Amino acid sequence: MAVTLSDQFLGCADCETEFIFTIAEQLFYAERGIERPSCCPDCRARKRSERNADAIRASDVGGTMLWSDGYGNYGGSAPVGPKKGARTGVRMYSTTCSSCNRPTEVPFEPRNGRPVYCRECFNAKRGK
């Protein structure tokens, strides 16, 4: 039995305006098992920017906590000269390696209960 999709008109739970939930959006949501949106695209964008405001502010801050050497300096030494495709502006987090207990920096926020490794220990665990 074939199912025919059509654009749906939904009401925003925040601003109460009507918005179109297109066929393409319906397929996108269905593929990922996501419920249909309850807010219009403008309200969703506003909420997303509010959630990400801390990360955006952190990326605007200069200093040693930012990824500045092209690959994050996972406990290793900084390369000489710029690397091709170097990433800039990524916040670095100071932590201690779970294996060798040396201080290191990683480009993600460490979470409790999850091991974090310096570059050497990470590569050793991967078999490099």
PDB file of N, CA and C in Angstrom:
ATOM      1  N   MET A   1       0.837  -1.173   0.000  1.00  0.00           N
ATOM      2  CA  MET A   1       0.000   0.000   0.000  1.00  0.00           C
ATOM      3  C   MET A   1       0.883   1.238   0.000  1.00  0.00           C
ATOM      4  N   ALA A   2       0.712   2.122  -0.949  1.00  0.00           N
ATOM      5  CA  ALA A   2       1.522   3.323  -1.088  1.00  0.00           C
ATOM      6  C   ALA A   2       0.973   4.430  -0.192  1.00  0.00           C
ATOM      7  N   VAL A   3       1.894   5.144   0.440  1.00  0.00           N
ATOM      8  CA  VAL A   3       1.524   6.266   1.288  1.00  0.00           C
ATOM      9  C   VAL A   3       1.862   7.546   0.536  1.00  0.00           C
ATOM     10  N   THR A   4       0.918   8.445   0.424  1.00  0.00           N
ATOM     11  CA  THR A   4       1.132   9.709  -0.258  1.00  0.00           C
ATOM     12  C   THR A   4       1.361  10.793   0.788  1.00  0.00           C
ATOM     13  N   LEU A   5       2.476  11.471   0.655  1.00  0.00           N
ATOM     14  CA  LEU A   5       2.796  12.557   1.574  1.00  0.00           C
ATOM     15  C   LEU A   5       2.402  13.886   0.958  1.00  0.00           C
ATOM     16  N   SER A   6       2.067  14.823   1.805  1.00  0.00           N
ATOM     17  CA  SER A   6       1.804  16.183   1.346  1.00  0.00           C
ATOM     18  C   SER A   6       2.288  17.148   2.419  1.00  0.00           C
ATOM     19  N   ASP A   7       2.514  18.392   2.014  1.00  0.00           N
ATOM     20  CA  ASP A   7       2.929  19.408   2.977  1.00  0.00           C
ATOM     21  C   ASP A   7       1.867  19.538   4.069  1.00  0.00           C
ATOM     22  N   GLN A   8       2.342  19.727   5.309  1.00  0.00           N
ATOM     23  CA  GLN A   8       1.424  19.882   6.436  1.00  0.00           C
ATOM     24  C   GLN A   8       1.567  21.291   7.006  1.00  0.00           C
ATOM     25  N   PHE A   9       0.475  21.841   7.451  1.00  0.00           N
ATOM     26  CA  PHE A   9       0.499  23.138   8.110  1.00  0.00           C
ATOM     27  C   PHE A   9       0.398  22.887   9.613  1.00  0.00           C
ATOM     28  N   LEU A  10       1.432  23.338  10.347  1.00  0.00           N
ATOM     29  CA  LEU A  10       1.485  23.125  11.793  1.00  0.00           C
ATOM     30  C   LEU A  10       1.493  24.466  12.501  1.00  0.00           C
ATOM     31  N   GLY A  11       1.070  24.477  13.749  1.00  0.00           N
ATOM     32  CA  GLY A  11       1.095  25.689  14.561  1.00  0.00           C
ATOM     33  C   GLY A  11       2.293  25.654  15.503  1.00  0.00           C
ATOM     34  N   CYS A  12       2.998  26.764  15.605  1.00  0.00           N
ATOM     35  CA  CYS A  12       4.171  26.870  16.469  1.00  0.00           C
ATOM     36  C   CYS A  12       3.726  26.936  17.930  1.00  0.00           C
ATOM     37  N   ALA A  13       4.356  26.141  18.776  1.00  0.00           N
ATOM     38  CA  ALA A  13       4.023  26.117  20.204  1.00  0.00           C
ATOM     39  C   ALA A  13       4.517  27.370  20.919  1.00  0.00           C
ATOM     40  N   ASP A  14       5.513  28.053  20.352  1.00  0.00           N
ATOM     41  CA  ASP A  14       6.072  29.244  21.002  1.00  0.00           C
ATOM     42  C   ASP A  14       5.369  30.533  20.549  1.00  0.00           C
ATOM     43  N   CYS A  15       5.429  30.812  19.256  1.00  0.00           N
ATOM     44  CA  CYS A  15       4.899  32.089  18.757  1.00  0.00           C
ATOM     45  C   CYS A  15       3.493  31.969  18.167  1.00  0.00           C
ATOM     46  N   GLU A  16       2.969  30.740  18.100  1.00  0.00           N
ATOM     47  CA  GLU A  16       1.613  30.453  17.641  1.00  0.00           C
ATOM     48  C   GLU A  16       1.360  30.808  16.179  1.00  0.00           C
ATOM     49  N   THR A  17       2.412  30.977  15.378  1.00  0.00           N
ATOM     50  CA  THR A  17       2.213  31.205  13.948  1.00  0.00           C
ATOM     51  C   THR A  17       2.137  29.857  13.237  1.00  0.00           C
ATOM     52  N   GLU A  18       1.553  29.855  12.062  1.00  0.00           N
ATOM     53  CA  GLU A  18       1.453  28.638  11.273  1.00  0.00           C
ATOM     54  C   GLU A  18       2.685  28.520  10.378  1.00  0.00           C
ATOM     55  N   PHE A  19       3.222  27.303  10.254  1.00  0.00           N
ATOM     56  CA  PHE A  19       4.363  27.080   9.365  1.00  0.00           C
ATOM     57  C   PHE A  19       4.153  25.788   8.594  1.00  0.00           C
ATOM     58  N   ILE A  20       4.871  25.656   7.484  1.00  0.00           N
ATOM     59  CA  ILE A  20       4.725  24.488   6.611  1.00  0.00           C
ATOM     60  C   ILE A  20       5.772  23.446   6.975  1.00  0.00           C
ATOM     61  N   PHE A  21       5.335  22.222   7.184  1.00  0.00           N
ATOM     62  CA  PHE A  21       6.196  21.063   7.402  1.00  0.00           C
ATOM     63  C   PHE A  21       6.222  20.326   6.070  1.00  0.00           C
ATOM     64  N   THR A  22       7.280  20.588   5.279  1.00  0.00           N
ATOM     65  CA  THR A  22       7.327  20.106   3.893  1.00  0.00           C
ATOM     66  C   THR A  22       7.528  18.594   3.818  1.00  0.00           C
ATOM     67  N   ILE A  23       7.286  18.064   2.641  1.00  0.00           N
ATOM     68  CA  ILE A  23       7.486  16.630   2.401  1.00  0.00           C
ATOM     69  C   ILE A  23       8.950  16.264   2.660  1.00  0.00           C
ATOM     70  N   ALA A  24       9.873  17.093   2.172  1.00  0.00           N
ATOM     71  CA  ALA A  24      11.303  16.820   2.379  1.00  0.00           C
ATOM     72  C   ALA A  24      11.646  16.786   3.865  1.00  0.00           C
ATOM     73  N   GLU A  25      11.091  17.720   4.636  1.00  0.00           N
ATOM     74  CA  GLU A  25      11.330  17.729   6.088  1.00  0.00           C
ATOM     75  C   GLU A  25      10.720  16.496   6.740  1.00  0.00           C
ATOM     76  N   GLN A  26       9.536  16.090   6.293  1.00  0.00           N
ATOM     77  CA  GLN A  26       8.888  14.908   6.851  1.00  0.00           C
ATOM     78  C   GLN A  26       9.753  13.668   6.628  1.00  0.00           C
ATOM     79  N   LEU A  27      10.309  13.542   5.421  1.00  0.00           N
ATOM     80  CA  LEU A  27      11.174  12.401   5.114  1.00  0.00           C
ATOM     81  C   LEU A  27      12.449  12.442   5.958  1.00  0.00           C
ATOM     82  N   PHE A  28      13.034  13.629   6.100  1.00  0.00           N
ATOM     83  CA  PHE A  28      14.240  13.812   6.908  1.00  0.00           C
ATOM     84  C   PHE A  28      13.975  13.371   8.350  1.00  0.00           C
ATOM     85  N   TYR A  29      12.884  13.842   8.930  1.00  0.00           N
ATOM     86  CA  TYR A  29      12.539  13.503  10.310  1.00  0.00           C
ATOM     87  C   TYR A  29      12.257  12.009  10.447  1.00  0.00           C
ATOM     88  N   ALA A  30      11.531  11.430   9.468  1.00  0.00           N
ATOM     89  CA  ALA A  30      11.181  10.007   9.512  1.00  0.00           C
ATOM     90  C   ALA A  30      12.418   9.128   9.423  1.00  0.00           C
ATOM     91  N   GLU A  31      13.381   9.478   8.560  1.00  0.00           N
ATOM     92  CA  GLU A  31      14.619   8.704   8.412  1.00  0.00           C
ATOM     93  C   GLU A  31      15.387   8.625   9.722  1.00  0.00           C
ATOM     94  N   ARG A  32      15.321   9.674  10.510  1.00  0.00           N
ATOM     95  CA  ARG A  32      16.095   9.760  11.744  1.00  0.00           C
ATOM     96  C   ARG A  32      15.277   9.403  12.984  1.00  0.00           C
ATOM     97  N   GLY A  33      14.011   9.086  12.777  1.00  0.00           N
ATOM     98  CA  GLY A  33      13.152   8.714  13.897  1.00  0.00           C
ATOM     99  C   GLY A  33      12.838   9.866  14.831  1.00  0.00           C
ATOM    100  N   ILE A  34      12.804  11.080  14.279  1.00  0.00           N
ATOM    101  CA  ILE A  34      12.554  12.281  15.072  1.00  0.00           C
ATOM    102  C   ILE A  34      11.072  12.638  14.948  1.00  0.00           C
ATOM    103  N   GLU A  35      10.482  13.046  16.071  1.00  0.00           N
ATOM    104  CA  GLU A  35       9.084  13.493  16.042  1.00  0.00           C
ATOM    105  C   GLU A  35       8.977  14.791  15.250  1.00  0.00           C
ATOM    106  N   ARG A  36       7.803  15.053  14.708  1.00  0.00           N
ATOM    107  CA  ARG A  36       7.622  16.282  13.934  1.00  0.00           C
ATOM    108  C   ARG A  36       7.840  17.497  14.846  1.00  0.00           C
ATOM    109  N   PRO A  37       8.292  18.602  14.270  1.00  0.00           N
ATOM    110  CA  PRO A  37       8.604  19.775  15.091  1.00  0.00           C
ATOM    111  C   PRO A  37       7.349  20.405  15.683  1.00  0.00           C
ATOM    112  N   SER A  38       7.506  20.959  16.887  1.00  0.00           N
ATOM    113  CA  SER A  38       6.383  21.651  17.514  1.00  0.00           C
ATOM    114  C   SER A  38       6.547  23.161  17.402  1.00  0.00           C
ATOM    115  N   CYS A  39       7.725  23.593  16.939  1.00  0.00           N
ATOM    116  CA  CYS A  39       7.999  25.031  16.795  1.00  0.00           C
ATOM    117  C   CYS A  39       8.376  25.349  15.350  1.00  0.00           C
ATOM    118  N   CYS A  40       8.136  26.590  14.939  1.00  0.00           N
ATOM    119  CA  CYS A  40       8.464  27.034  13.586  1.00  0.00           C
ATOM    120  C   CYS A  40       9.996  27.118  13.424  1.00  0.00           C
ATOM    121  N   PRO A  41      10.497  27.164  12.184  1.00  0.00           N
ATOM    122  CA  PRO A  41      11.944  27.237  11.960  1.00  0.00           C
ATOM    123  C   PRO A  41      12.608  28.430  12.654  1.00  0.00           C
ATOM    124  N   ASP A  42      11.940  29.586  12.709  1.00  0.00           N
ATOM    125  CA  ASP A  42      12.532  30.756  13.371  1.00  0.00           C
ATOM    126  C   ASP A  42      12.699  30.525  14.865  1.00  0.00           C
ATOM    127  N   CYS A  43      11.699  29.959  15.511  1.00  0.00           N
ATOM    128  CA  CYS A  43      11.790  29.695  16.956  1.00  0.00           C
ATOM    129  C   CYS A  43      12.817  28.602  17.243  1.00  0.00           C
ATOM    130  N   ARG A  44      12.889  27.581  16.364  1.00  0.00           N
ATOM    131  CA  ARG A  44      13.908  26.536  16.536  1.00  0.00           C
ATOM    132  C   ARG A  44      15.303  27.126  16.416  1.00  0.00           C
ATOM    133  N   ALA A  45      15.511  28.029  15.434  1.00  0.00           N
ATOM    134  CA  ALA A  45      16.824  28.671  15.262  1.00  0.00           C
ATOM    135  C   ALA A  45      17.173  29.534  16.475  1.00  0.00           C
ATOM    136  N   ARG A  46      16.188  30.250  17.005  1.00  0.00           N
ATOM    137  CA  ARG A  46      16.422  31.089  18.183  1.00  0.00           C
ATOM    138  C   ARG A  46      16.826  30.226  19.379  1.00  0.00           C
ATOM    139  N   LYS A  47      16.106  29.124  19.605  1.00  0.00           N
ATOM    140  CA  LYS A  47      16.428  28.221  20.719  1.00  0.00           C
ATOM    141  C   LYS A  47      17.813  27.607  20.548  1.00  0.00           C
ATOM    142  N   ARG A  48      18.146  27.215  19.298  1.00  0.00           N
ATOM    143  CA  ARG A  48      19.453  26.613  19.021  1.00  0.00           C
ATOM    144  C   ARG A  48      20.570  27.606  19.313  1.00  0.00           C
ATOM    145  N   SER A  49      20.379  28.875  18.919  1.00  0.00           N
ATOM    146  CA  SER A  49      21.411  29.883  19.165  1.00  0.00           C
ATOM    147  C   SER A  49      21.547  30.172  20.660  1.00  0.00           C
ATOM    148  N   GLU A  50      20.447  30.116  21.396  1.00  0.00           N
ATOM    149  CA  GLU A  50      20.514  30.305  22.851  1.00  0.00           C
ATOM    150  C   GLU A  50      21.268  29.155  23.505  1.00  0.00           C
ATOM    151  N   ARG A  51      21.017  27.916  23.042  1.00  0.00           N
ATOM    152  CA  ARG A  51      21.711  26.746  23.598  1.00  0.00           C
ATOM    153  C   ARG A  51      23.205  26.803  23.310  1.00  0.00           C
ATOM    154  N   ASN A  52      23.570  27.300  22.128  1.00  0.00           N
ATOM    155  CA  ASN A  52      24.968  27.310  21.707  1.00  0.00           C
ATOM    156  C   ASN A  52      25.690  28.605  22.049  1.00  0.00           C
ATOM    157  N   ALA A  53      25.047  29.525  22.746  1.00  0.00           N
ATOM    158  CA  ALA A  53      25.653  30.829  23.043  1.00  0.00           C
ATOM    159  C   ALA A  53      26.957  30.686  23.819  1.00  0.00           C
ATOM    160  N   ASP A  54      27.021  29.767  24.794  1.00  0.00           N
ATOM    161  CA  ASP A  54      28.241  29.585  25.581  1.00  0.00           C
ATOM    162  C   ASP A  54      29.397  29.115  24.699  1.00  0.00           C
ATOM    163  N   ALA A  55      29.132  28.180  23.803  1.00  0.00           N
ATOM    164  CA  ALA A  55      30.185  27.680  22.923  1.00  0.00           C
ATOM    165  C   ALA A  55      30.646  28.765  21.961  1.00  0.00           C
ATOM    166  N   ILE A  56      29.722  29.574  21.486  1.00  0.00           N
ATOM    167  CA  ILE A  56      30.076  30.661  20.569  1.00  0.00           C
ATOM    168  C   ILE A  56      30.937  31.684  21.288  1.00  0.00           C
ATOM    169  N   ARG A  57      30.551  32.048  22.526  1.00  0.00           N
ATOM    170  CA  ARG A  57      31.364  32.991  23.303  1.00  0.00           C
ATOM    171  C   ARG A  57      32.751  32.419  23.580  1.00  0.00           C
ATOM    172  N   ALA A  58      32.847  31.140  23.877  1.00  0.00           N
ATOM    173  CA  ALA A  58      34.128  30.516  24.173  1.00  0.00           C
ATOM    174  C   ALA A  58      35.043  30.544  22.958  1.00  0.00           C
ATOM    175  N   SER A  59      34.479  30.403  21.760  1.00  0.00           N
ATOM    176  CA  SER A  59      35.316  30.394  20.560  1.00  0.00           C
ATOM    177  C   SER A  59      35.827  31.784  20.218  1.00  0.00           C
ATOM    178  N   ASP A  60      35.202  32.838  20.770  1.00  0.00           N
ATOM    179  CA  ASP A  60      35.645  34.201  20.524  1.00  0.00           C
ATOM    180  C   ASP A  60      36.780  34.619  21.453  1.00  0.00           C
ATOM    181  N   VAL A  61      37.071  33.813  22.464  1.00  0.00           N
ATOM    182  CA  VAL A  61      38.091  34.151  23.456  1.00  0.00           C
ATOM    183  C   VAL A  61      39.449  33.693  22.938  1.00  0.00           C
ATOM    184  N   GLY A  62      40.434  34.571  22.991  1.00  0.00           N
ATOM    185  CA  GLY A  62      41.781  34.199  22.567  1.00  0.00           C
ATOM    186  C   GLY A  62      42.543  33.563  23.707  1.00  0.00           C
ATOM    187  N   GLY A  63      43.732  33.086  23.433  1.00  0.00           N
ATOM    188  CA  GLY A  63      44.565  32.557  24.500  1.00  0.00           C
ATOM    189  C   GLY A  63      44.993  31.131  24.239  1.00  0.00           C
ATOM    190  N   THR A  64      45.621  30.531  25.232  1.00  0.00           N
ATOM    191  CA  THR A  64      46.187  29.200  25.081  1.00  0.00           C
ATOM    192  C   THR A  64      45.143  28.106  25.051  1.00  0.00           C
ATOM    193  N   MET A  65      43.923  28.404  25.467  1.00  0.00           N
ATOM    194  CA  MET A  65      42.881  27.393  25.499  1.00  0.00           C
ATOM    195  C   MET A  65      42.274  27.147  24.121  1.00  0.00           C
ATOM    196  N   LEU A  66      42.695  27.865  23.107  1.00  0.00           N
ATOM    197  CA  LEU A  66      42.145  27.673  21.777  1.00  0.00           C
ATOM    198  C   LEU A  66      43.076  26.831  20.929  1.00  0.00           C
ATOM    199  N   TRP A  67      42.520  26.082  20.039  1.00  0.00           N
ATOM    200  CA  TRP A  67      43.255  25.239  19.109  1.00  0.00           C
ATOM    201  C   TRP A  67      43.991  26.163  18.157  1.00  0.00           C
ATOM    202  N   SER A  68      45.280  26.243  18.271  1.00  0.00           N
ATOM    203  CA  SER A  68      46.005  27.196  17.444  1.00  0.00           C
ATOM    204  C   SER A  68      47.127  26.561  16.647  1.00  0.00           C
ATOM    205  N   ASP A  69      47.426  25.289  16.905  1.00  0.00           N
ATOM    206  CA  ASP A  69      48.565  24.705  16.212  1.00  0.00           C
ATOM    207  C   ASP A  69      48.168  23.749  15.095  1.00  0.00           C
ATOM    208  N   GLY A  70      46.904  23.680  14.739  1.00  0.00           N
ATOM    209  CA  GLY A  70      46.489  22.915  13.583  1.00  0.00           C
ATOM    210  C   GLY A  70      45.980  21.527  13.878  1.00  0.00           C
ATOM    211  N   TYR A  71      46.384  20.915  14.997  1.00  0.00           N
ATOM    212  CA  TYR A  71      45.857  19.590  15.294  1.00  0.00           C
ATOM    213  C   TYR A  71      45.604  19.364  16.760  1.00  0.00           C
ATOM    214  N   GLY A  72      45.705  20.375  17.586  1.00  0.00           N
ATOM    215  CA  GLY A  72      45.258  20.270  18.948  1.00  0.00           C
ATOM    216  C   GLY A  72      46.307  19.983  19.983  1.00  0.00           C
ATOM    217  N   ASN A  73      47.531  19.611  19.593  1.00  0.00           N
ATOM    218  CA  ASN A  73      48.600  19.378  20.549  1.00  0.00           C
ATOM    219  C   ASN A  73      48.157  18.439  21.658  1.00  0.00           C
ATOM    220  N   TYR A  74      47.828  17.220  21.312  1.00  0.00           N
ATOM    221  CA  TYR A  74      47.380  16.223  22.281  1.00  0.00           C
ATOM    222  C   TYR A  74      48.557  15.730  23.114  1.00  0.00           C
ATOM    223  N   GLY A  75      49.164  16.610  23.877  1.00  0.00           N
ATOM    224  CA  GLY A  75      50.279  16.232  24.719  1.00  0.00           C
ATOM    225  C   GLY A  75      51.597  16.195  23.972  1.00  0.00           C
ATOM    226  N   GLY A  76      51.584  16.393  22.664  1.00  0.00           N
ATOM    227  CA  GLY A  76      52.802  16.383  21.861  1.00  0.00           C
ATOM    228  C   GLY A  76      53.326  17.794  21.694  1.00  0.00           C
ATOM    229  N   SER A  77      54.347  17.950  20.874  1.00  0.00           N
ATOM    230  CA  SER A  77      54.900  19.279  20.648  1.00  0.00           C
ATOM    231  C   SER A  77      54.193  19.941  19.483  1.00  0.00           C
ATOM    232  N   ALA A  78      54.229  21.260  19.477  1.00  0.00           N
ATOM    233  CA  ALA A  78      53.581  22.020  18.414  1.00  0.00           C
ATOM    234  C   ALA A  78      54.391  21.901  17.129  1.00  0.00           C
ATOM    235  N   PRO A  79      53.749  21.801  15.978  1.00  0.00           N
ATOM    236  CA  PRO A  79      54.463  21.705  14.708  1.00  0.00           C
ATOM    237  C   PRO A  79      55.129  23.035  14.348  1.00  0.00           C
ATOM    238  N   VAL A  80      56.119  22.957  13.493  1.00  0.00           N
ATOM    239  CA  VAL A  80      56.793  24.161  13.017  1.00  0.00           C
ATOM    240  C   VAL A  80      56.108  24.594  11.733  1.00  0.00           C
ATOM    241  N   GLY A  81      55.609  25.836  11.700  1.00  0.00           N
ATOM    242  CA  GLY A  81      54.932  26.357  10.516  1.00  0.00           C
ATOM    243  C   GLY A  81      53.489  25.926  10.466  1.00  0.00           C
ATOM    244  N   PRO A  82      52.709  26.594   9.625  1.00  0.00           N
ATOM    245  CA  PRO A  82      51.285  26.274   9.544  1.00  0.00           C
ATOM    246  C   PRO A  82      51.041  24.948   8.831  1.00  0.00           C
ATOM    247  N   LYS A  83      50.024  24.222   9.263  1.00  0.00           N
ATOM    248  CA  LYS A  83      49.646  22.977   8.606  1.00  0.00           C
ATOM    249  C   LYS A  83      48.554  23.273   7.583  1.00  0.00           C
ATOM    250  N   LYS A  84      48.539  22.519   6.514  1.00  0.00           N
ATOM    251  CA  LYS A  84      47.500  22.680   5.507  1.00  0.00           C
ATOM    252  C   LYS A  84      46.162  22.286   6.118  1.00  0.00           C
ATOM    253  N   GLY A  85      45.145  23.122   5.940  1.00  0.00           N
ATOM    254  CA  GLY A  85      43.817  22.829   6.466  1.00  0.00           C
ATOM    255  C   GLY A  85      43.732  22.967   7.968  1.00  0.00           C
ATOM    256  N   ALA A  86      44.586  23.788   8.569  1.00  0.00           N
ATOM    257  CA  ALA A  86      44.596  23.940  10.020  1.00  0.00           C
ATOM    258  C   ALA A  86      43.273  24.493  10.519  1.00  0.00           C
ATOM    259  N   ARG A  87      42.787  23.946  11.635  1.00  0.00           N
ATOM    260  CA  ARG A  87      41.556  24.423  12.257  1.00  0.00           C
ATOM    261  C   ARG A  87      41.922  25.461  13.297  1.00  0.00           C
ATOM    262  N   THR A  88      41.227  26.559  13.286  1.00  0.00           N
ATOM    263  CA  THR A  88      41.498  27.596  14.267  1.00  0.00           C
ATOM    264  C   THR A  88      40.231  27.896  15.040  1.00  0.00           C
ATOM    265  N   GLY A  89      40.395  28.393  16.257  1.00  0.00           N
ATOM    266  CA  GLY A  89      39.263  28.812  17.043  1.00  0.00           C
ATOM    267  C   GLY A  89      38.544  27.702  17.781  1.00  0.00           C
ATOM    268  N   VAL A  90      39.123  26.489  17.858  1.00  0.00           N
ATOM    269  CA  VAL A  90      38.494  25.407  18.592  1.00  0.00           C
ATOM    270  C   VAL A  90      38.982  25.462  20.026  1.00  0.00           C
ATOM    271  N   ARG A  91      38.074  25.471  20.971  1.00  0.00           N
ATOM    272  CA  ARG A  91      38.430  25.564  22.384  1.00  0.00           C
ATOM    273  C   ARG A  91      39.099  24.271  22.846  1.00  0.00           C
ATOM    274  N   MET A  92      40.195  24.416  23.588  1.00  0.00           N
ATOM    275  CA  MET A  92      40.911  23.278  24.142  1.00  0.00           C
ATOM    276  C   MET A  92      40.611  23.167  25.634  1.00  0.00           C
ATOM    277  N   TYR A  93      40.515  21.950  26.133  1.00  0.00           N
ATOM    278  CA  TYR A  93      40.228  21.696  27.540  1.00  0.00           C
ATOM    279  C   TYR A  93      41.419  20.982  28.173  1.00  0.00           C
ATOM    280  N   SER A  94      41.866  21.488  29.310  1.00  0.00           N
ATOM    281  CA  SER A  94      42.965  20.870  30.040  1.00  0.00           C
ATOM    282  C   SER A  94      42.423  19.691  30.832  1.00  0.00           C
ATOM    283  N   THR A  95      43.170  18.587  30.824  1.00  0.00           N
ATOM    284  CA  THR A  95      42.783  17.394  31.556  1.00  0.00           C
ATOM    285  C   THR A  95      44.027  16.567  31.849  1.00  0.00           C
ATOM    286  N   THR A  96      43.853  15.421  32.450  1.00  0.00           N
ATOM    287  CA  THR A  96      44.948  14.505  32.748  1.00  0.00           C
ATOM    288  C   THR A  96      44.696  13.214  31.998  1.00  0.00           C
ATOM    289  N   CYS A  97      45.752  12.663  31.394  1.00  0.00           N
ATOM    290  CA  CYS A  97      45.645  11.411  30.650  1.00  0.00           C
ATOM    291  C   CYS A  97      45.234  10.290  31.605  1.00  0.00           C
ATOM    292  N   SER A  98      44.249   9.493  31.205  1.00  0.00           N
ATOM    293  CA  SER A  98      43.751   8.399  32.042  1.00  0.00           C
ATOM    294  C   SER A  98      44.742   7.251  32.131  1.00  0.00           C
ATOM    295  N   SER A  99      45.700   7.200  31.208  1.00  0.00           N
ATOM    296  CA  SER A  99      46.650   6.101  31.186  1.00  0.00           C
ATOM    297  C   SER A  99      47.962   6.448  31.898  1.00  0.00           C
ATOM    298  N   CYS A 100      48.582   7.571  31.517  1.00  0.00           N
ATOM    299  CA  CYS A 100      49.908   7.911  32.066  1.00  0.00           C
ATOM    300  C   CYS A 100      49.863   9.047  33.086  1.00  0.00           C
ATOM    301  N   ASN A 101      48.689   9.631  33.317  1.00  0.00           N
ATOM    302  CA  ASN A 101      48.476  10.715  34.299  1.00  0.00           C
ATOM    303  C   ASN A 101      49.242  11.999  33.993  1.00  0.00           C
ATOM    304  N   ARG A 102      49.671  12.187  32.740  1.00  0.00           N
ATOM    305  CA  ARG A 102      50.316  13.444  32.356  1.00  0.00           C
ATOM    306  C   ARG A 102      49.246  14.466  31.982  1.00  0.00           C
ATOM    307  N   PRO A 103      49.521  15.761  32.221  1.00  0.00           N
ATOM    308  CA  PRO A 103      48.565  16.783  31.776  1.00  0.00           C
ATOM    309  C   PRO A 103      48.541  16.843  30.248  1.00  0.00           C
ATOM    310  N   THR A 104      47.366  17.074  29.685  1.00  0.00           N
ATOM    311  CA  THR A 104      47.211  17.175  28.237  1.00  0.00           C
ATOM    312  C   THR A 104      46.033  18.081  27.935  1.00  0.00           C
ATOM    313  N   GLU A 105      45.854  18.439  26.674  1.00  0.00           N
ATOM    314  CA  GLU A 105      44.723  19.241  26.233  1.00  0.00           C
ATOM    315  C   GLU A 105      44.006  18.500  25.124  1.00  0.00           C
ATOM    316  N   VAL A 106      42.667  18.587  25.145  1.00  0.00           N
ATOM    317  CA  VAL A 106      41.848  17.920  24.141  1.00  0.00           C
ATOM    318  C   VAL A 106      40.808  18.905  23.611  1.00  0.00           C
ATOM    319  N   PRO A 107      40.329  18.716  22.363  1.00  0.00           N
ATOM    320  CA  PRO A 107      39.375  19.660  21.760  1.00  0.00           C
ATOM    321  C   PRO A 107      37.915  19.349  22.097  1.00  0.00           C
ATOM    322  N   PHE A 108      37.671  18.636  23.183  1.00  0.00           N
ATOM    323  CA  PHE A 108      36.311  18.348  23.626  1.00  0.00           C
ATOM    324  C   PHE A 108      36.288  18.410  25.148  1.00  0.00           C
ATOM    325  N   GLU A 109      35.120  18.630  25.705  1.00  0.00           N
ATOM    326  CA  GLU A 109      35.003  18.727  27.149  1.00  0.00           C
ATOM    327  C   GLU A 109      34.964  17.322  27.747  1.00  0.00           C
ATOM    328  N   PRO A 110      35.968  16.974  28.577  1.00  0.00           N
ATOM    329  CA  PRO A 110      35.971  15.639  29.196  1.00  0.00           C
ATOM    330  C   PRO A 110      34.744  15.453  30.081  1.00  0.00           C
ATOM    331  N   ARG A 111      34.195  14.252  30.070  1.00  0.00           N
ATOM    332  CA  ARG A 111      33.019  13.938  30.889  1.00  0.00           C
ATOM    333  C   ARG A 111      33.407  12.894  31.923  1.00  0.00           C
ATOM    334  N   ASN A 112      32.804  12.975  33.088  1.00  0.00           N
ATOM    335  CA  ASN A 112      33.097  12.033  34.169  1.00  0.00           C
ATOM    336  C   ASN A 112      32.795  10.604  33.729  1.00  0.00           C
ATOM    337  N   GLY A 113      33.688   9.702  34.101  1.00  0.00           N
ATOM    338  CA  GLY A 113      33.488   8.298  33.779  1.00  0.00           C
ATOM    339  C   GLY A 113      34.016   7.892  32.420  1.00  0.00           C
ATOM    340  N   ARG A 114      34.421   8.845  31.580  1.00  0.00           N
ATOM    341  CA  ARG A 114      34.953   8.523  30.252  1.00  0.00           C
ATOM    342  C   ARG A 114      36.455   8.758  30.240  1.00  0.00           C
ATOM    343  N   PRO A 115      37.261   7.785  29.836  1.00  0.00           N
ATOM    344  CA  PRO A 115      38.717   7.991  29.813  1.00  0.00           C
ATOM    345  C   PRO A 115      39.125   8.982  28.727  1.00  0.00           C
ATOM    346  N   VAL A 116      40.169   9.759  29.030  1.00  0.00           N
ATOM    347  CA  VAL A 116      40.740  10.715  28.087  1.00  0.00           C
ATOM    348  C   VAL A 116      42.227  10.432  28.032  1.00  0.00           C
ATOM    349  N   TYR A 117      42.790  10.341  26.827  1.00  0.00           N
ATOM    350  CA  TYR A 117      44.185   9.970  26.663  1.00  0.00           C
ATOM    351  C   TYR A 117      44.986  11.081  25.990  1.00  0.00           C
ATOM    352  N   CYS A 118      46.281  11.147  26.324  1.00  0.00           N
ATOM    353  CA  CYS A 118      47.188  12.047  25.610  1.00  0.00           C
ATOM    354  C   CYS A 118      47.430  11.443  24.230  1.00  0.00           C
ATOM    355  N   ARG A 119      48.087  12.171  23.366  1.00  0.00           N
ATOM    356  CA  ARG A 119      48.312  11.720  21.995  1.00  0.00           C
ATOM    357  C   ARG A 119      49.052  10.379  21.944  1.00  0.00           C
ATOM    358  N   GLU A 120      50.118  10.234  22.748  1.00  0.00           N
ATOM    359  CA  GLU A 120      50.919   9.006  22.723  1.00  0.00           C
ATOM    360  C   GLU A 120      50.107   7.797  23.187  1.00  0.00           C
ATOM    361  N   CYS A 121      49.374   7.952  24.296  1.00  0.00           N
ATOM    362  CA  CYS A 121      48.575   6.839  24.814  1.00  0.00           C
ATOM    363  C   CYS A 121      47.417   6.505  23.876  1.00  0.00           C
ATOM    364  N   PHE A 122      46.811   7.522  23.283  1.00  0.00           N
ATOM    365  CA  PHE A 122      45.725   7.292  22.331  1.00  0.00           C
ATOM    366  C   PHE A 122      46.237   6.483  21.135  1.00  0.00           C
ATOM    367  N   ASN A 123      47.383   6.893  20.585  1.00  0.00           N
ATOM    368  CA  ASN A 123      47.950   6.179  19.437  1.00  0.00           C
ATOM    369  C   ASN A 123      48.370   4.766  19.823  1.00  0.00           C
ATOM    370  N   ALA A 124      48.890   4.586  21.041  1.00  0.00           N
ATOM    371  CA  ALA A 124      49.297   3.255  21.490  1.00  0.00           C
ATOM    372  C   ALA A 124      48.065   2.337  21.596  1.00  0.00           C
ATOM    373  N   LYS A 125      46.949   2.862  22.103  1.00  0.00           N
ATOM    374  CA  LYS A 125      45.732   2.068  22.225  1.00  0.00           C
ATOM    375  C   LYS A 125      45.159   1.724  20.853  1.00  0.00           C
ATOM    376  N   ARG A 126      45.361   2.604  19.871  1.00  0.00           N
ATOM    377  CA  ARG A 126      44.878   2.344  18.506  1.00  0.00           C
ATOM    378  C   ARG A 126      45.788   1.382  17.763  1.00  0.00           C
ATOM    379  N   GLY A 127      47.002   1.164  18.287  1.00  0.00           N
ATOM    380  CA  GLY A 127      47.933   0.254  17.637  1.00  0.00           C
ATOM    381  C   GLY A 127      48.829   0.914  16.619  1.00  0.00           C
ATOM    382  N   LYS A 128      48.998   2.238  16.728  1.00  0.00           N
ATOM    383  CA  LYS A 128      49.883   2.944  15.784  1.00  0.00           C
ATOM    384  C   LYS A 128      51.306   2.854  16.236  1.00  0.00           C
TER     385      LYS A 128
END
